[in-house]
Amino acid sequence: MYVRFPLSLRNVEDLLHERGIDVSHETVRFWWNRFGPMFAVEIRRNRVSRMRSYSNWQWHLDGVFVKINGETHYLWRAVDHEGEVLESYVTKRRDRKAALKFLRKSMKRCGKPEIIVTDKLRSYGAAMRVIGNDNRQETGRWLNNRAENSHLPFRRRERSMLRFRQMRCLQKFASVHS
């Protein structure tokens, strides 16, 4: 339930207690740390096998600022034309090197798209020139709304968790819940 719905650990503990299962929130956290990544891998594997039969023609790339212990980090996200989150990656910087690493990682996992829609961040263009995809990039004022809307469930879930304390925890959260 914790992985599927935007509930806190204590909310899951209360729901299970109402059904006669007596566990603590620490047990739920342990289960999430142990089994959450395995569930995410299986879901992602099924999604990728379905996606290979369809055209992977348009990606939307965007990032969101996330604070971890008062320090600003950047969460990069790739969303396909249907709104499915393809890849998420956490960095401390928002430069060409980080954008290049994110693009290579997502293209290795999901293949090359025909069109990449981004906002007007210049590090996307610089990374695209290095890869050789600068002619596939589209930027516009409202073209990237699909990626912007994919941040809403993430922000809702982040508020219920009362923020993040480690970069590793944010990366695991973003990869499991996307």
N, C-alpha and C. Protein backbone atom coordinates (compact mmCIF):
# COMPACT_ATOMS: atom_id res chain seq x y z
N MET A 1 0.82 -1.20 0.00
CA MET A 1 0.00 0.00 0.00
C MET A 1 0.87 1.26 0.00
N TYR A 2 2.00 1.19 0.70
CA TYR A 2 2.86 2.36 0.77
C TYR A 2 3.45 2.68 -0.59
N VAL A 3 3.75 1.65 -1.36
CA VAL A 3 4.34 1.86 -2.68
C VAL A 3 3.28 2.35 -3.66
N ARG A 4 2.07 1.85 -3.55
CA ARG A 4 1.02 2.12 -4.54
C ARG A 4 0.29 3.43 -4.29
N PHE A 5 0.01 3.78 -3.04
CA PHE A 5 -0.81 4.95 -2.72
C PHE A 5 0.01 5.98 -1.94
N PRO A 6 -0.36 7.26 -2.02
CA PRO A 6 0.39 8.29 -1.30
C PRO A 6 0.06 8.32 0.19
N LEU A 7 0.49 7.30 0.90
CA LEU A 7 0.25 7.18 2.33
C LEU A 7 1.57 7.26 3.08
N SER A 8 1.52 7.75 4.30
CA SER A 8 2.72 7.74 5.12
C SER A 8 2.87 6.36 5.76
N LEU A 9 4.02 6.13 6.38
CA LEU A 9 4.26 4.85 7.04
C LEU A 9 3.26 4.62 8.16
N ARG A 10 2.95 5.68 8.90
CA ARG A 10 1.99 5.54 10.02
C ARG A 10 0.57 5.31 9.52
N ASN A 11 0.22 5.89 8.35
CA ASN A 11 -1.10 5.62 7.79
C ASN A 11 -1.23 4.16 7.40
N VAL A 12 -0.20 3.58 6.82
CA VAL A 12 -0.22 2.16 6.46
C VAL A 12 -0.32 1.31 7.72
N GLU A 13 0.41 1.72 8.77
CA GLU A 13 0.33 1.00 10.05
C GLU A 13 -1.10 1.02 10.58
N ASP A 14 -1.77 2.17 10.53
CA ASP A 14 -3.15 2.27 11.01
C ASP A 14 -4.11 1.45 10.17
N LEU A 15 -3.94 1.47 8.84
CA LEU A 15 -4.82 0.68 7.98
C LEU A 15 -4.68 -0.83 8.24
N LEU A 16 -3.45 -1.27 8.41
CA LEU A 16 -3.24 -2.68 8.70
C LEU A 16 -3.77 -3.05 10.08
N HIS A 17 -3.66 -2.13 11.04
CA HIS A 17 -4.17 -2.38 12.39
C HIS A 17 -5.69 -2.52 12.38
N GLU A 18 -6.37 -1.72 11.54
CA GLU A 18 -7.82 -1.83 11.42
C GLU A 18 -8.23 -3.19 10.87
N ARG A 19 -7.37 -3.81 10.09
CA ARG A 19 -7.67 -5.12 9.52
C ARG A 19 -7.13 -6.28 10.37
N GLY A 20 -6.66 -5.95 11.56
CA GLY A 20 -6.22 -6.99 12.48
C GLY A 20 -4.77 -7.39 12.35
N ILE A 21 -3.98 -6.66 11.59
CA ILE A 21 -2.55 -6.97 11.43
C ILE A 21 -1.77 -5.96 12.25
N ASP A 22 -1.05 -6.45 13.24
CA ASP A 22 -0.34 -5.56 14.16
C ASP A 22 1.13 -5.45 13.75
N VAL A 23 1.48 -4.39 13.04
CA VAL A 23 2.86 -4.11 12.64
C VAL A 23 3.16 -2.65 12.97
N SER A 24 4.43 -2.35 13.11
CA SER A 24 4.83 -0.97 13.37
C SER A 24 5.21 -0.28 12.06
N HIS A 25 5.32 1.05 12.13
CA HIS A 25 5.72 1.78 10.93
C HIS A 25 7.15 1.44 10.52
N GLU A 26 7.98 1.05 11.47
CA GLU A 26 9.35 0.64 11.15
C GLU A 26 9.35 -0.65 10.32
N THR A 27 8.41 -1.54 10.62
CA THR A 27 8.30 -2.77 9.83
C THR A 27 7.90 -2.45 8.40
N VAL A 28 6.97 -1.51 8.23
CA VAL A 28 6.54 -1.10 6.90
C VAL A 28 7.71 -0.47 6.15
N ARG A 29 8.50 0.36 6.84
CA ARG A 29 9.67 0.97 6.22
C ARG A 29 10.69 -0.09 5.80
N PHE A 30 10.89 -1.09 6.66
CA PHE A 30 11.81 -2.18 6.33
C PHE A 30 11.32 -2.94 5.11
N TRP A 31 10.02 -3.24 5.05
CA TRP A 31 9.45 -3.93 3.89
C TRP A 31 9.63 -3.11 2.63
N TRP A 32 9.40 -1.80 2.73
CA TRP A 32 9.54 -0.94 1.55
C TRP A 32 10.99 -0.93 1.07
N ASN A 33 11.94 -0.81 2.02
CA ASN A 33 13.35 -0.81 1.62
C ASN A 33 13.76 -2.14 1.02
N ARG A 34 13.19 -3.23 1.49
CA ARG A 34 13.59 -4.55 1.02
C ARG A 34 12.89 -4.94 -0.29
N PHE A 35 11.56 -4.74 -0.35
CA PHE A 35 10.80 -5.25 -1.48
C PHE A 35 10.39 -4.19 -2.50
N GLY A 36 10.44 -2.91 -2.14
CA GLY A 36 10.03 -1.85 -3.05
C GLY A 36 10.81 -1.83 -4.36
N PRO A 37 12.14 -1.88 -4.31
CA PRO A 37 12.90 -1.91 -5.56
C PRO A 37 12.62 -3.15 -6.41
N MET A 38 12.34 -4.28 -5.77
CA MET A 38 12.02 -5.49 -6.54
C MET A 38 10.69 -5.33 -7.27
N PHE A 39 9.69 -4.75 -6.59
CA PHE A 39 8.42 -4.48 -7.25
C PHE A 39 8.60 -3.52 -8.41
N ALA A 40 9.40 -2.47 -8.19
CA ALA A 40 9.62 -1.46 -9.23
C ALA A 40 10.30 -2.07 -10.45
N VAL A 41 11.28 -2.94 -10.24
CA VAL A 41 11.99 -3.58 -11.36
C VAL A 41 11.02 -4.43 -12.17
N GLU A 42 10.16 -5.19 -11.49
CA GLU A 42 9.20 -6.04 -12.19
C GLU A 42 8.18 -5.21 -12.98
N ILE A 43 7.69 -4.14 -12.38
CA ILE A 43 6.75 -3.25 -13.08
C ILE A 43 7.43 -2.62 -14.28
N ARG A 44 8.68 -2.15 -14.10
CA ARG A 44 9.41 -1.52 -15.20
C ARG A 44 9.70 -2.52 -16.32
N ARG A 45 10.03 -3.77 -15.96
CA ARG A 45 10.29 -4.79 -16.97
C ARG A 45 9.05 -5.06 -17.80
N ASN A 46 7.89 -5.15 -17.15
CA ASN A 46 6.64 -5.36 -17.89
C ASN A 46 6.33 -4.16 -18.77
N ARG A 47 6.57 -2.97 -18.27
CA ARG A 47 6.29 -1.75 -19.03
C ARG A 47 7.20 -1.66 -20.25
N VAL A 48 8.48 -1.98 -20.07
CA VAL A 48 9.43 -1.90 -21.19
C VAL A 48 9.09 -2.94 -22.26
N SER A 49 8.67 -4.13 -21.85
CA SER A 49 8.32 -5.15 -22.85
C SER A 49 7.09 -4.72 -23.65
N ARG A 50 6.16 -4.01 -23.02
CA ARG A 50 5.01 -3.49 -23.75
C ARG A 50 5.41 -2.32 -24.64
N MET A 51 6.34 -1.49 -24.17
CA MET A 51 6.73 -0.29 -24.92
C MET A 51 7.54 -0.63 -26.17
N ARG A 52 8.25 -1.73 -26.17
CA ARG A 52 9.07 -2.08 -27.32
C ARG A 52 8.22 -2.35 -28.56
N SER A 53 6.96 -2.73 -28.35
CA SER A 53 6.10 -2.98 -29.50
C SER A 53 5.50 -1.68 -30.04
N TYR A 54 5.56 -0.61 -29.28
CA TYR A 54 5.01 0.66 -29.72
C TYR A 54 6.13 1.61 -30.14
N SER A 55 5.74 2.64 -30.84
CA SER A 55 6.70 3.65 -31.26
C SER A 55 7.13 4.48 -30.06
N ASN A 56 8.41 4.69 -29.92
CA ASN A 56 8.96 5.50 -28.84
C ASN A 56 9.30 6.87 -29.41
N TRP A 57 8.33 7.57 -29.92
CA TRP A 57 8.61 8.69 -30.79
C TRP A 57 8.82 10.02 -30.09
N GLN A 58 8.27 10.25 -28.91
CA GLN A 58 8.43 11.57 -28.30
C GLN A 58 8.66 11.45 -26.80
N TRP A 59 9.72 12.12 -26.35
CA TRP A 59 10.00 12.20 -24.93
C TRP A 59 9.87 13.64 -24.48
N HIS A 60 9.51 13.81 -23.22
CA HIS A 60 9.48 15.12 -22.58
C HIS A 60 10.48 15.06 -21.42
N LEU A 61 11.47 15.93 -21.45
CA LEU A 61 12.48 15.97 -20.40
C LEU A 61 12.26 17.21 -19.55
N ASP A 62 12.35 17.03 -18.24
CA ASP A 62 12.19 18.17 -17.35
C ASP A 62 12.87 17.84 -16.04
N GLY A 63 13.06 18.85 -15.25
CA GLY A 63 13.67 18.67 -13.94
C GLY A 63 12.90 19.45 -12.90
N VAL A 64 13.12 19.07 -11.67
CA VAL A 64 12.45 19.73 -10.56
C VAL A 64 13.47 19.88 -9.43
N PHE A 65 13.40 21.01 -8.75
CA PHE A 65 14.28 21.25 -7.61
C PHE A 65 13.72 20.56 -6.38
N VAL A 66 14.59 19.87 -5.65
CA VAL A 66 14.20 19.16 -4.43
C VAL A 66 15.20 19.53 -3.36
N LYS A 67 14.72 19.85 -2.17
CA LYS A 67 15.62 20.16 -1.07
C LYS A 67 15.84 18.93 -0.21
N ILE A 68 17.10 18.66 0.07
CA ILE A 68 17.47 17.56 0.95
C ILE A 68 18.33 18.17 2.05
N ASN A 69 17.80 18.17 3.25
CA ASN A 69 18.47 18.78 4.40
C ASN A 69 18.86 20.23 4.13
N GLY A 70 18.00 20.98 3.49
CA GLY A 70 18.24 22.38 3.22
C GLY A 70 19.13 22.65 2.01
N GLU A 71 19.65 21.61 1.38
CA GLU A 71 20.52 21.76 0.22
C GLU A 71 19.73 21.42 -1.04
N THR A 72 19.83 22.26 -2.06
CA THR A 72 19.05 22.07 -3.28
C THR A 72 19.70 21.02 -4.18
N HIS A 73 18.90 20.05 -4.61
CA HIS A 73 19.30 19.03 -5.57
C HIS A 73 18.35 19.12 -6.76
N TYR A 74 18.67 18.40 -7.80
CA TYR A 74 17.89 18.48 -9.03
C TYR A 74 17.47 17.08 -9.44
N LEU A 75 16.19 16.87 -9.66
CA LEU A 75 15.65 15.59 -10.10
C LEU A 75 15.30 15.70 -11.58
N TRP A 76 16.03 14.98 -12.43
CA TRP A 76 15.78 14.96 -13.87
C TRP A 76 14.77 13.87 -14.15
N ARG A 77 13.81 14.13 -15.05
CA ARG A 77 12.81 13.12 -15.38
C ARG A 77 12.58 13.08 -16.88
N ALA A 78 12.41 11.87 -17.41
CA ALA A 78 12.05 11.66 -18.81
C ALA A 78 10.67 11.01 -18.83
N VAL A 79 9.74 11.62 -19.59
CA VAL A 79 8.37 11.14 -19.67
C VAL A 79 8.07 10.89 -21.14
N ASP A 80 7.39 9.78 -21.45
CA ASP A 80 7.06 9.52 -22.85
C ASP A 80 5.79 10.26 -23.25
N HIS A 81 5.35 10.07 -24.50
CA HIS A 81 4.22 10.83 -25.03
C HIS A 81 2.90 10.44 -24.38
N GLU A 82 2.85 9.31 -23.64
CA GLU A 82 1.64 8.91 -22.96
C GLU A 82 1.62 9.32 -21.49
N GLY A 83 2.71 9.90 -21.01
CA GLY A 83 2.77 10.34 -19.62
C GLY A 83 3.46 9.36 -18.68
N GLU A 84 3.99 8.26 -19.20
CA GLU A 84 4.71 7.29 -18.37
C GLU A 84 6.11 7.81 -18.08
N VAL A 85 6.53 7.74 -16.84
CA VAL A 85 7.88 8.17 -16.47
C VAL A 85 8.85 7.08 -16.90
N LEU A 86 9.78 7.44 -17.79
CA LEU A 86 10.75 6.48 -18.30
C LEU A 86 11.96 6.36 -17.40
N GLU A 87 12.44 7.49 -16.92
CA GLU A 87 13.68 7.50 -16.15
C GLU A 87 13.68 8.70 -15.21
N SER A 88 14.29 8.54 -14.05
CA SER A 88 14.49 9.66 -13.14
C SER A 88 15.90 9.55 -12.56
N TYR A 89 16.52 10.70 -12.33
CA TYR A 89 17.92 10.74 -11.94
C TYR A 89 18.15 11.97 -11.07
N VAL A 90 18.86 11.81 -9.97
CA VAL A 90 19.09 12.90 -9.01
C VAL A 90 20.55 13.34 -9.10
N THR A 91 20.75 14.67 -9.20
CA THR A 91 22.11 15.23 -9.21
C THR A 91 22.16 16.45 -8.31
N LYS A 92 23.38 16.85 -7.98
CA LYS A 92 23.55 18.08 -7.21
C LYS A 92 23.66 19.29 -8.12
N ARG A 93 24.03 19.07 -9.37
CA ARG A 93 24.22 20.17 -10.31
C ARG A 93 23.21 20.11 -11.44
N ARG A 94 23.11 21.21 -12.15
CA ARG A 94 22.17 21.33 -13.25
C ARG A 94 22.93 21.84 -14.48
N ASP A 95 23.95 21.09 -14.88
CA ASP A 95 24.82 21.54 -15.96
C ASP A 95 24.85 20.52 -17.10
N ARG A 96 25.70 20.78 -18.08
CA ARG A 96 25.79 19.92 -19.27
C ARG A 96 26.21 18.51 -18.91
N LYS A 97 27.14 18.38 -17.99
CA LYS A 97 27.64 17.06 -17.61
C LYS A 97 26.52 16.20 -17.00
N ALA A 98 25.71 16.79 -16.14
CA ALA A 98 24.61 16.05 -15.53
C ALA A 98 23.53 15.72 -16.56
N ALA A 99 23.23 16.67 -17.45
CA ALA A 99 22.23 16.43 -18.50
C ALA A 99 22.70 15.33 -19.45
N LEU A 100 23.98 15.33 -19.77
CA LEU A 100 24.54 14.32 -20.66
C LEU A 100 24.46 12.93 -20.02
N LYS A 101 24.80 12.84 -18.74
CA LYS A 101 24.73 11.56 -18.05
C LYS A 101 23.29 11.05 -18.00
N PHE A 102 22.34 11.96 -17.72
CA PHE A 102 20.93 11.58 -17.68
C PHE A 102 20.43 11.12 -19.05
N LEU A 103 20.79 11.84 -20.11
CA LEU A 103 20.36 11.46 -21.45
C LEU A 103 20.93 10.11 -21.87
N ARG A 104 22.21 9.90 -21.60
CA ARG A 104 22.82 8.62 -21.97
C ARG A 104 22.19 7.46 -21.20
N LYS A 105 21.92 7.70 -19.92
CA LYS A 105 21.31 6.65 -19.09
C LYS A 105 19.91 6.31 -19.59
N SER A 106 19.12 7.32 -19.90
CA SER A 106 17.76 7.05 -20.34
C SER A 106 17.72 6.47 -21.75
N MET A 107 18.63 6.89 -22.65
CA MET A 107 18.66 6.32 -24.00
C MET A 107 19.17 4.89 -23.99
N LYS A 108 20.06 4.57 -23.07
CA LYS A 108 20.54 3.20 -22.96
C LYS A 108 19.42 2.28 -22.52
N ARG A 109 18.58 2.77 -21.62
CA ARG A 109 17.50 1.94 -21.10
C ARG A 109 16.31 1.86 -22.05
N CYS A 110 15.94 2.95 -22.69
CA CYS A 110 14.68 3.01 -23.44
C CYS A 110 14.85 3.21 -24.94
N GLY A 111 16.04 3.34 -25.45
CA GLY A 111 16.24 3.55 -26.89
C GLY A 111 16.22 5.03 -27.24
N LYS A 112 16.38 5.33 -28.53
CA LYS A 112 16.42 6.72 -28.98
C LYS A 112 15.05 7.17 -29.45
N PRO A 113 14.59 8.32 -28.99
CA PRO A 113 13.31 8.85 -29.47
C PRO A 113 13.50 9.66 -30.75
N GLU A 114 12.41 9.89 -31.45
CA GLU A 114 12.47 10.72 -32.65
C GLU A 114 12.48 12.20 -32.29
N ILE A 115 11.71 12.58 -31.27
CA ILE A 115 11.62 13.98 -30.85
C ILE A 115 11.84 14.04 -29.34
N ILE A 116 12.62 15.02 -28.90
CA ILE A 116 12.82 15.25 -27.47
C ILE A 116 12.35 16.67 -27.17
N VAL A 117 11.31 16.79 -26.36
CA VAL A 117 10.75 18.08 -25.98
C VAL A 117 11.34 18.47 -24.63
N THR A 118 11.93 19.65 -24.56
CA THR A 118 12.54 20.13 -23.32
C THR A 118 12.08 21.55 -23.04
N ASP A 119 12.40 22.01 -21.84
CA ASP A 119 12.24 23.43 -21.59
C ASP A 119 13.48 24.14 -22.16
N LYS A 120 13.63 25.41 -21.91
CA LYS A 120 14.70 26.16 -22.56
C LYS A 120 16.01 26.19 -21.76
N LEU A 121 16.21 25.19 -20.92
CA LEU A 121 17.46 25.08 -20.18
C LEU A 121 18.59 24.79 -21.16
N ARG A 122 19.65 25.58 -21.09
CA ARG A 122 20.71 25.48 -22.10
C ARG A 122 21.55 24.22 -21.97
N SER A 123 21.56 23.60 -20.80
CA SER A 123 22.36 22.38 -20.65
C SER A 123 21.77 21.22 -21.45
N TYR A 124 20.45 21.22 -21.72
CA TYR A 124 19.88 20.20 -22.60
C TYR A 124 20.46 20.33 -24.01
N GLY A 125 20.49 21.55 -24.52
CA GLY A 125 21.02 21.77 -25.87
C GLY A 125 22.48 21.39 -25.99
N ALA A 126 23.26 21.73 -24.94
CA ALA A 126 24.69 21.39 -24.97
C ALA A 126 24.89 19.87 -24.93
N ALA A 127 24.10 19.18 -24.12
CA ALA A 127 24.21 17.72 -24.05
C ALA A 127 23.74 17.07 -25.35
N MET A 128 22.70 17.65 -25.98
CA MET A 128 22.20 17.11 -27.24
C MET A 128 23.24 17.27 -28.35
N ARG A 129 23.99 18.38 -28.33
CA ARG A 129 25.04 18.56 -29.34
C ARG A 129 26.14 17.52 -29.18
N VAL A 130 26.47 17.17 -27.94
CA VAL A 130 27.51 16.16 -27.70
C VAL A 130 27.05 14.80 -28.22
N ILE A 131 25.79 14.46 -27.96
CA ILE A 131 25.25 13.17 -28.41
C ILE A 131 25.01 13.17 -29.92
N GLY A 132 24.65 14.33 -30.47
CA GLY A 132 24.34 14.42 -31.89
C GLY A 132 22.84 14.45 -32.16
N ASN A 133 22.07 14.78 -31.15
CA ASN A 133 20.61 14.83 -31.29
C ASN A 133 20.08 16.25 -31.30
N ASP A 134 20.90 17.25 -31.54
CA ASP A 134 20.42 18.63 -31.42
C ASP A 134 19.34 18.97 -32.43
N ASN A 135 19.24 18.23 -33.54
CA ASN A 135 18.18 18.49 -34.51
C ASN A 135 16.85 17.86 -34.08
N ARG A 136 16.88 16.98 -33.09
CA ARG A 136 15.65 16.34 -32.60
C ARG A 136 15.01 17.08 -31.44
N GLN A 137 15.67 18.10 -30.93
CA GLN A 137 15.16 18.81 -29.76
C GLN A 137 14.12 19.86 -30.14
N GLU A 138 13.03 19.90 -29.39
CA GLU A 138 12.01 20.93 -29.54
C GLU A 138 11.85 21.65 -28.21
N THR A 139 11.80 22.96 -28.27
CA THR A 139 11.53 23.75 -27.07
C THR A 139 10.38 24.68 -27.37
N GLY A 140 9.62 24.97 -26.37
CA GLY A 140 8.49 25.88 -26.53
C GLY A 140 7.90 26.22 -25.19
N ARG A 141 7.01 27.19 -25.20
CA ARG A 141 6.49 27.68 -23.94
C ARG A 141 5.60 26.65 -23.24
N TRP A 142 4.69 26.02 -23.96
CA TRP A 142 3.78 25.06 -23.33
C TRP A 142 3.94 23.65 -23.86
N LEU A 143 4.98 23.40 -24.63
CA LEU A 143 5.17 22.07 -25.20
C LEU A 143 5.48 21.01 -24.14
N ASN A 144 6.08 21.42 -23.03
CA ASN A 144 6.56 20.47 -22.05
C ASN A 144 5.60 20.27 -20.88
N ASN A 145 4.31 20.55 -21.09
CA ASN A 145 3.34 20.41 -20.00
C ASN A 145 3.19 18.98 -19.53
N ARG A 146 3.39 18.01 -20.40
CA ARG A 146 3.25 16.61 -19.98
C ARG A 146 4.28 16.27 -18.90
N ALA A 147 5.49 16.74 -19.04
CA ALA A 147 6.51 16.49 -18.03
C ALA A 147 6.23 17.29 -16.76
N GLU A 148 5.74 18.52 -16.91
CA GLU A 148 5.43 19.33 -15.74
C GLU A 148 4.32 18.69 -14.92
N ASN A 149 3.32 18.11 -15.59
CA ASN A 149 2.22 17.48 -14.86
C ASN A 149 2.65 16.18 -14.20
N SER A 150 3.72 15.56 -14.68
CA SER A 150 4.18 14.33 -14.05
C SER A 150 4.83 14.60 -12.69
N HIS A 151 5.17 15.87 -12.41
CA HIS A 151 5.75 16.20 -11.11
C HIS A 151 4.71 16.29 -10.01
N LEU A 152 3.44 16.47 -10.36
CA LEU A 152 2.41 16.69 -9.34
C LEU A 152 2.26 15.53 -8.37
N PRO A 153 2.14 14.27 -8.85
CA PRO A 153 2.07 13.18 -7.87
C PRO A 153 3.33 13.06 -7.03
N PHE A 154 4.48 13.36 -7.63
CA PHE A 154 5.73 13.32 -6.88
C PHE A 154 5.72 14.33 -5.74
N ARG A 155 5.30 15.56 -6.03
CA ARG A 155 5.24 16.59 -4.99
C ARG A 155 4.24 16.24 -3.90
N ARG A 156 3.10 15.65 -4.28
CA ARG A 156 2.09 15.24 -3.30
C ARG A 156 2.67 14.18 -2.37
N ARG A 157 3.38 13.23 -2.95
CA ARG A 157 3.98 12.16 -2.16
C ARG A 157 5.11 12.70 -1.28
N GLU A 158 5.85 13.66 -1.82
CA GLU A 158 6.94 14.27 -1.05
C GLU A 158 6.41 14.99 0.18
N ARG A 159 5.30 15.69 0.04
CA ARG A 159 4.70 16.38 1.19
C ARG A 159 4.23 15.40 2.25
N SER A 160 3.67 14.27 1.83
CA SER A 160 3.21 13.30 2.82
C SER A 160 4.37 12.63 3.54
N MET A 161 5.54 12.56 2.89
CA MET A 161 6.72 11.97 3.53
C MET A 161 7.48 12.97 4.39
N LEU A 162 7.09 14.24 4.35
CA LEU A 162 7.78 15.30 5.09
C LEU A 162 9.22 15.47 4.64
N ARG A 163 9.43 15.54 3.33
CA ARG A 163 10.70 15.81 2.67
C ARG A 163 11.67 14.63 2.73
N PHE A 164 12.86 14.85 2.16
CA PHE A 164 13.88 13.81 2.09
C PHE A 164 15.07 14.22 2.92
N ARG A 165 15.81 13.22 3.40
CA ARG A 165 16.97 13.51 4.23
C ARG A 165 18.29 13.10 3.58
N GLN A 166 18.23 12.24 2.57
CA GLN A 166 19.44 11.80 1.88
C GLN A 166 19.19 11.73 0.39
N MET A 167 20.23 11.95 -0.39
CA MET A 167 20.13 11.89 -1.85
C MET A 167 19.81 10.47 -2.31
N ARG A 168 20.39 9.49 -1.65
CA ARG A 168 20.13 8.10 -1.99
C ARG A 168 18.66 7.74 -1.76
N CYS A 169 18.08 8.26 -0.69
CA CYS A 169 16.67 8.01 -0.38
C CYS A 169 15.77 8.63 -1.46
N LEU A 170 16.12 9.83 -1.92
CA LEU A 170 15.35 10.47 -2.98
C LEU A 170 15.45 9.69 -4.29
N GLN A 171 16.67 9.20 -4.63
CA GLN A 171 16.82 8.43 -5.86
C GLN A 171 16.01 7.15 -5.81
N LYS A 172 16.04 6.47 -4.68
CA LYS A 172 15.27 5.23 -4.54
C LYS A 172 13.78 5.52 -4.61
N PHE A 173 13.34 6.59 -3.95
CA PHE A 173 11.93 6.98 -3.96
C PHE A 173 11.47 7.29 -5.38
N ALA A 174 12.28 8.09 -6.11
CA ALA A 174 11.90 8.49 -7.47
C ALA A 174 11.87 7.30 -8.41
N SER A 175 12.79 6.36 -8.26
CA SER A 175 12.80 5.21 -9.17
C SER A 175 11.69 4.23 -8.84
N VAL A 176 11.32 4.07 -7.57
CA VAL A 176 10.27 3.14 -7.20
C VAL A 176 8.89 3.70 -7.52
N HIS A 177 8.68 4.99 -7.28
CA HIS A 177 7.34 5.56 -7.40
C HIS A 177 7.04 6.18 -8.75
N SER A 178 7.94 6.08 -9.71
CA SER A 178 7.64 6.69 -11.01
C SER A 178 7.11 5.68 -11.98
